[in-house]
Protein backbone atom coordinates (compact mmCIF):
# COMPACT_ATOMS: atom_id res chain seq x y z
CA LYS A 1 32.12 35.76 30.42
CA HIS A 2 31.32 38.12 32.84
CA SER A 3 33.19 41.24 33.96
CA HIS A 4 32.67 44.87 35.58
CA ARG A 5 34.07 45.95 32.44
CA ASN A 6 30.23 44.99 30.67
CA PHE A 7 28.88 47.49 33.11
CA HIS A 8 29.09 51.20 32.91
CA SER A 9 31.41 52.75 35.35
CA GLU A 10 27.90 55.21 36.42
CA LYS A 11 26.43 51.39 37.59
CA LYS A 12 29.74 51.02 39.46
CA VAL A 13 30.62 51.39 43.40
CA TRP A 14 33.78 50.40 44.06
CA ILE A 15 34.59 48.94 47.23
CA GLY A 16 37.74 48.82 49.87
CA GLY A 17 37.96 47.25 53.28
CA ILE A 18 37.51 43.33 51.97
CA GLY A 19 39.04 41.26 54.13
CA GLU A 20 40.87 38.86 53.23
CA GLU A 21 38.54 35.88 53.67
CA VAL A 22 36.14 37.43 52.11
CA SER A 23 35.32 35.60 48.92
CA TYR A 24 33.30 36.88 45.87
CA LYS A 25 30.15 35.13 46.89
CA GLU A 26 30.37 36.34 50.83
CA LEU A 27 30.96 39.76 49.04
CA HIS A 28 27.91 39.37 46.02
CA GLU A 29 25.58 38.26 49.34
CA HIS A 30 26.30 41.16 51.67
CA MET A 31 25.60 43.93 48.46
CA LYS A 32 22.74 41.26 46.91
CA PRO A 33 19.86 43.04 49.23
CA ALA A 34 21.11 46.93 47.81
CA GLY A 35 20.40 45.09 43.80
CA ALA A 36 24.45 43.94 42.75
CA LYS A 37 23.86 41.76 40.09
CA TRP A 38 27.95 41.26 39.60
CA VAL A 39 30.59 41.62 42.31
CA GLU A 40 34.52 40.95 42.31
CA VAL A 41 37.34 41.12 44.69
CA PHE A 42 40.27 42.55 43.71
CA HIS A 43 43.79 41.13 44.11
CA GLY A 44 47.34 41.54 43.96
CA ASN A 45 47.55 45.89 43.66
CA GLY A 46 44.24 45.81 44.72
CA LYS A 47 44.01 44.01 47.02
CA GLY A 48 41.13 44.73 50.16
CA THR A 49 39.13 46.22 47.00
CA GLY A 50 36.36 45.33 44.83
CA VAL A 51 34.03 46.28 42.74
CA ALA A 52 29.78 45.82 42.44
CA CYS A 53 27.48 46.15 39.65
CA PHE A 54 23.83 47.45 39.37
CA ALA A 55 21.28 48.20 36.88
CA THR A 56 21.03 51.23 36.89
CA GLN A 57 22.73 54.57 37.89
CA GLU A 58 20.14 54.95 40.88
CA GLU A 59 20.45 51.54 42.80
CA ALA A 60 24.28 51.58 42.40
CA THR A 61 24.19 55.59 44.69
CA ALA A 62 21.48 54.15 47.08
CA ALA A 63 23.90 50.90 47.40
CA ILE A 64 26.64 53.56 48.34
CA ALA A 65 24.89 54.57 50.53
CA ALA A 66 23.08 51.84 51.98
CA SER A 67 26.08 49.53 52.47
CA ASN A 68 29.05 51.86 53.38
CA GLY A 69 30.42 51.39 56.28
CA SER A 70 29.10 47.86 57.11
CA VAL A 71 30.72 45.17 58.39
CA CYS A 72 31.54 42.34 55.91
CA GLY A 73 33.81 39.32 57.52
CA SER A 74 36.41 40.69 59.81
CA GLY A 75 36.49 44.22 57.70
CA THR A 76 34.50 47.49 57.70
CA LEU A 77 33.48 48.11 54.36
CA GLN A 78 33.82 51.34 52.64
CA VAL A 79 31.54 52.24 49.61
CA ASP A 80 32.13 54.77 47.17
CA VAL A 81 31.81 55.84 43.32
CA TRP A 82 33.63 53.86 40.43
CA GLU A 83 36.10 56.69 39.57
CA LYS A 84 38.17 55.00 36.58
CA LYS A 85 41.82 55.40 36.36
CA PRO A 86 43.31 57.37 33.43
CA LYS A 87 44.78 55.21 30.70
CA GLU A 88 49.09 54.82 31.59
CA ALA A 89 50.66 56.60 28.76
CA ALA A 90 52.68 53.73 26.76
């Protein structure tokens, strides 16, 4: 099964401002021109956010510049570097 976890963090971008009606397919179509290989839209706590994954770090960096502030569905996307959240101590 594909997952954004299969991609290194430097090859991923964080996406915010995703409208509730936007599916991962629509987001992928939106991010495909920038070279996105895999896209996920998060639900629950991460509602309105998602991730796009790229083949190279350069493509991911270029996608931030190309896609930040673009409109997808009813929302204006915020696209930024992917930051790993620290694992909570059990």
